[in-house]
Protein backbone atom coordinates (compact mmCIF):
# COMPACT_ATOMS: atom_id res chain seq x y z
CA MET A 1 -9.07 0.97 -9.04
CA SER A 2 -6.89 -2.12 -8.55
CA ARG A 3 -3.98 -2.35 -6.16
CA ASP A 4 -1.69 -2.58 -9.19
CA SER A 5 -2.68 0.98 -10.19
CA PHE A 6 -0.56 3.80 -8.82
CA ASP A 7 0.40 7.36 -9.62
CA SER A 8 3.94 8.70 -9.49
CA ILE A 9 5.78 11.92 -8.72
CA ILE A 10 9.28 12.83 -9.90
CA LEU A 11 11.03 15.64 -8.03
CA ALA A 12 13.15 17.50 -10.57
CA GLY A 13 14.03 20.71 -8.78
CA GLY A 14 16.70 21.73 -6.28
CA ARG A 15 19.94 23.60 -6.72
CA SER A 16 22.17 20.59 -7.58
CA SER A 17 24.95 22.26 -5.59
CA ARG A 18 26.94 19.06 -5.07
CA PHE A 19 26.53 18.07 -8.72
CA GLY A 20 27.72 21.45 -10.01
CA ASP A 21 25.09 21.69 -12.77
CA ASP A 22 21.46 20.85 -13.45
CA LYS A 23 21.67 17.12 -12.79
CA CYS A 24 18.20 16.39 -14.19
CA ALA A 25 19.50 17.56 -17.59
CA PHE A 26 22.77 15.61 -17.34
CA GLU A 27 23.00 12.97 -20.07
CA ILE A 28 23.91 9.33 -19.57
CA ASP A 29 24.14 7.39 -22.85
CA ASN A 30 22.47 10.27 -24.71
CA ARG A 31 19.45 10.43 -22.38
CA THR A 32 19.03 12.91 -19.57
CA MET A 33 18.67 11.62 -16.03
CA LEU A 34 15.10 12.92 -15.98
CA GLU A 35 14.25 11.12 -19.23
CA ARG A 36 15.62 7.87 -17.83
CA VAL A 37 13.37 8.11 -14.77
CA LEU A 38 10.39 9.10 -16.94
CA ASP A 39 10.91 5.92 -18.97
CA ALA A 40 10.48 3.79 -15.85
CA LEU A 41 7.09 5.30 -14.91
CA GLU A 42 3.68 5.38 -16.58
CA ASP A 43 2.27 8.93 -16.41
CA PRO A 44 4.23 10.82 -13.75
CA VAL A 45 3.74 14.27 -12.32
CA VAL A 46 7.08 16.11 -12.58
CA VAL A 47 7.64 18.89 -10.04
CA SER A 48 10.44 21.25 -11.09
CA ASP A 49 11.78 24.71 -10.39
CA ARG A 50 12.08 25.42 -14.12
CA GLN A 51 10.45 24.63 -17.44
CA ARG A 52 11.46 21.21 -18.72
CA LYS A 53 10.69 19.29 -21.86
CA ILE A 54 9.12 15.99 -20.86
CA SER A 55 8.03 13.15 -23.14
CA LYS A 56 5.03 12.19 -21.00
CA GLY A 57 3.25 13.10 -17.80
CA ARG A 58 2.51 16.57 -16.43
CA LEU A 59 4.83 19.33 -15.27
CA ILE A 60 4.26 21.50 -12.18
CA LEU A 61 6.48 24.51 -11.53
CA ASP A 62 7.78 25.02 -7.99
CA ARG A 63 10.00 28.08 -8.21
CA GLU A 64 10.12 28.69 -4.45
CA LEU A 65 12.28 25.60 -3.74
CA ARG A 66 10.74 24.94 -0.33
CA GLY A 67 11.84 21.30 -0.23
CA PRO A 68 10.42 17.88 -1.15
CA VAL A 69 7.45 17.99 1.24
CA ARG A 70 6.07 21.22 -0.26
CA ALA A 71 6.82 20.04 -3.80
CA ILE A 72 4.89 16.81 -3.23
CA ALA A 73 1.97 18.70 -1.67
CA GLN A 74 1.61 20.71 -4.89
CA ALA A 75 1.26 17.51 -6.91
CA LEU A 76 -1.39 15.86 -4.73
CA PRO A 77 -4.44 17.50 -6.43
CA LEU A 78 -3.44 15.81 -9.70
CA LEU A 79 -3.35 12.30 -8.25
CA LYS A 80 -6.21 9.81 -8.47
CA ALA A 81 -4.83 6.40 -7.48
CA ASN A 82 -4.72 5.20 -3.89
CA ARG A 83 -0.96 4.74 -4.05
CA VAL A 84 1.78 7.10 -5.24
CA PHE A 85 5.41 6.27 -5.99
CA ILE A 86 7.76 9.16 -5.25
CA THR A 87 11.30 9.49 -6.55
CA GLY A 88 13.76 12.05 -7.89
CA CYS A 89 15.58 12.57 -11.16
CA ASP A 90 18.76 11.51 -9.35
CA PHE A 91 17.83 7.81 -9.63
CA PRO A 92 18.59 7.42 -13.36
CA PHE A 93 18.86 3.63 -13.32
CA LEU A 94 15.44 2.97 -11.81
CA LYS A 95 13.86 -0.28 -13.01
CA PRO A 96 10.05 -0.17 -13.43
CA GLU A 97 9.74 -3.40 -11.46
CA ILE A 98 10.73 -1.56 -8.26
CA PRO A 99 7.81 0.94 -8.10
CA TRP A 100 5.41 -1.76 -9.25
CA ARG A 101 6.46 -4.08 -6.43
CA LEU A 102 6.43 -1.37 -3.77
CA CYS A 103 3.01 -0.08 -4.81
CA THR A 104 1.37 -3.52 -4.64
CA ARG A 105 2.02 -3.60 -0.90
CA PRO A 106 -0.89 -2.73 1.46
CA GLU A 107 1.24 -0.92 4.06
CA LYS A 108 1.01 2.87 4.35
CA ILE A 109 4.60 3.22 3.10
CA ALA A 110 6.73 0.71 1.17
CA LEU A 111 10.38 1.58 0.54
CA VAL A 112 13.96 0.40 0.10
CA LEU A 113 17.19 0.96 1.99
CA SER A 114 20.01 3.06 0.55
CA CYS A 115 23.37 3.19 2.36
CA GLY A 116 21.73 1.47 5.31
CA LYS A 117 18.96 4.05 5.70
CA PRO A 118 15.32 4.19 4.55
CA GLN A 119 15.16 6.00 1.21
CA PRO A 120 12.01 8.18 1.14
CA LEU A 121 12.54 9.02 -2.55
CA MET A 122 12.41 5.39 -3.58
CA ALA A 123 9.09 4.69 -1.92
CA CYS A 124 5.38 4.18 -2.44
CA TYR A 125 2.94 6.01 -0.16
CA GLU A 126 -0.75 5.67 0.52
CA LEU A 127 -2.35 8.82 -0.88
CA SER A 128 -4.53 9.36 2.20
CA LEU A 129 -1.43 9.29 4.44
CA LEU A 130 0.18 12.02 2.35
CA SER A 131 -3.00 14.12 2.26
CA GLU A 132 -3.50 13.89 6.03
CA THR A 133 0.11 14.17 7.18
CA LEU A 134 2.24 16.27 4.82
CA GLY A 135 1.10 19.52 6.38
CA MET A 136 2.29 18.34 9.81
CA VAL A 137 5.81 17.13 8.99
CA ALA A 138 8.97 18.95 8.00
CA SER A 139 10.55 16.10 6.03
CA LEU A 140 9.78 12.75 4.42
CA GLN A 141 12.00 11.07 7.02
CA GLU A 142 9.68 12.46 9.69
CA LEU A 143 6.69 11.13 7.75
CA ILE A 144 8.24 7.65 7.85
CA THR A 145 8.54 7.80 11.64
CA VAL A 146 4.84 8.61 12.11
CA SER A 147 3.47 6.10 9.59
CA PRO A 148 1.28 3.38 11.17
CA SER A 149 2.85 0.69 8.95
CA ILE A 150 5.95 0.39 6.77
CA TYR A 151 7.15 -2.29 4.36
CA LEU A 152 10.90 -2.51 3.84
CA LEU A 153 11.82 -4.31 0.61
CA GLY A 154 14.50 -6.87 1.44
CA TYR A 155 17.83 -7.56 -0.26
CA ARG A 156 16.76 -10.88 -1.80
CA GLU A 157 13.47 -9.45 -2.98
CA LEU A 158 15.23 -6.47 -4.54
CA GLU A 159 17.80 -8.77 -6.15
CA MET A 160 15.00 -10.62 -7.97
CA LEU A 161 13.67 -7.32 -9.36
CA ASP A 162 17.02 -5.69 -10.16
CA PRO A 163 20.02 -8.08 -9.96
CA THR A 164 22.43 -5.19 -10.62
CA PHE A 165 21.08 -3.07 -7.72
CA LEU A 166 21.59 -0.03 -9.96
CA SER A 167 18.11 1.22 -9.09
CA LEU A 168 19.55 2.29 -5.74
CA VAL A 169 22.25 4.52 -7.24
CA ASN A 170 21.48 8.04 -6.02
CA VAL A 171 23.44 10.53 -8.13
CA ASN A 172 24.22 13.62 -6.06
CA SER A 173 27.63 14.20 -7.64
CA ILE A 174 29.47 13.05 -10.76
CA LYS A 175 31.52 10.69 -8.57
CA ASP A 176 28.38 8.72 -7.71
CA LEU A 177 28.25 7.49 -11.31
CA PHE A 178 31.61 5.76 -10.90
CA ARG A 179 31.58 4.75 -7.25
CA PRO A 180 30.95 1.01 -6.74
CA LYS A 181 27.78 0.33 -4.79
CA VAL A 182 28.35 -1.36 -1.44
CA ARG A 183 25.86 -4.19 -1.13
CA GLU A 184 24.55 -4.53 2.39
CA PHE A 185 22.32 -7.44 3.30
CA TRP A 186 19.00 -6.71 4.98
CA HIS A 187 15.81 -8.64 5.51
CA THR A 188 12.38 -7.73 4.25
CA ARG A 189 10.50 -6.28 7.21
CA ILE A 190 7.01 -5.12 8.01
CA TYR A 191 6.87 -2.47 10.74
CA SER A 192 3.75 -1.50 12.61
CA ASN A 193 3.38 1.05 15.37
CA THR A 194 3.56 -1.76 17.95
CA GLU A 195 5.54 -4.63 16.42
CA ASN A 196 8.37 -5.50 14.04
CA PHE A 197 7.98 -8.63 11.91
CA ILE A 198 10.87 -10.16 9.94
CA VAL A 199 9.33 -12.06 7.03
CA LEU A 200 12.25 -12.87 4.69
């Protein structure tokens, strides 16, 4: 399987307490947020706490709502590629170029920044890292801290893939759809467990 091949997981559960309704079913320009994310990915595994109509991919029910780590663990048996892009239905403006670029990287995790912090739900992971580590961590942020290598997609690199930067819009409340995105500059970086290299 080539490095360009990757699987994907969309997390479509949660209580949407800040949103006030089922945000995955919320429509933007006559398409639900989940449908918009589905359109950006090839054949995703959708993990949800309820039945959902999806146009492609496979649906896994996770009615216990034990968090992203447990939801992802349920999807792992369905994955075949060496890399897996993980996101949520709350990134409705995702451009397909972003997961493609992240998943061509050889590092264990490749991700972007959102509001100055690593965004674990806009990231590509090595499948073996997930299989070996998910059972030992409580969160995806913790997984990032124990990864042997991380690629951080830089501002300029992201700008070439998505000049609008809308892919980074994380919709947790209705207000997020209207709030202007603050553009912070950051360099592309490769982190290892011993060194930090700035490459762009």
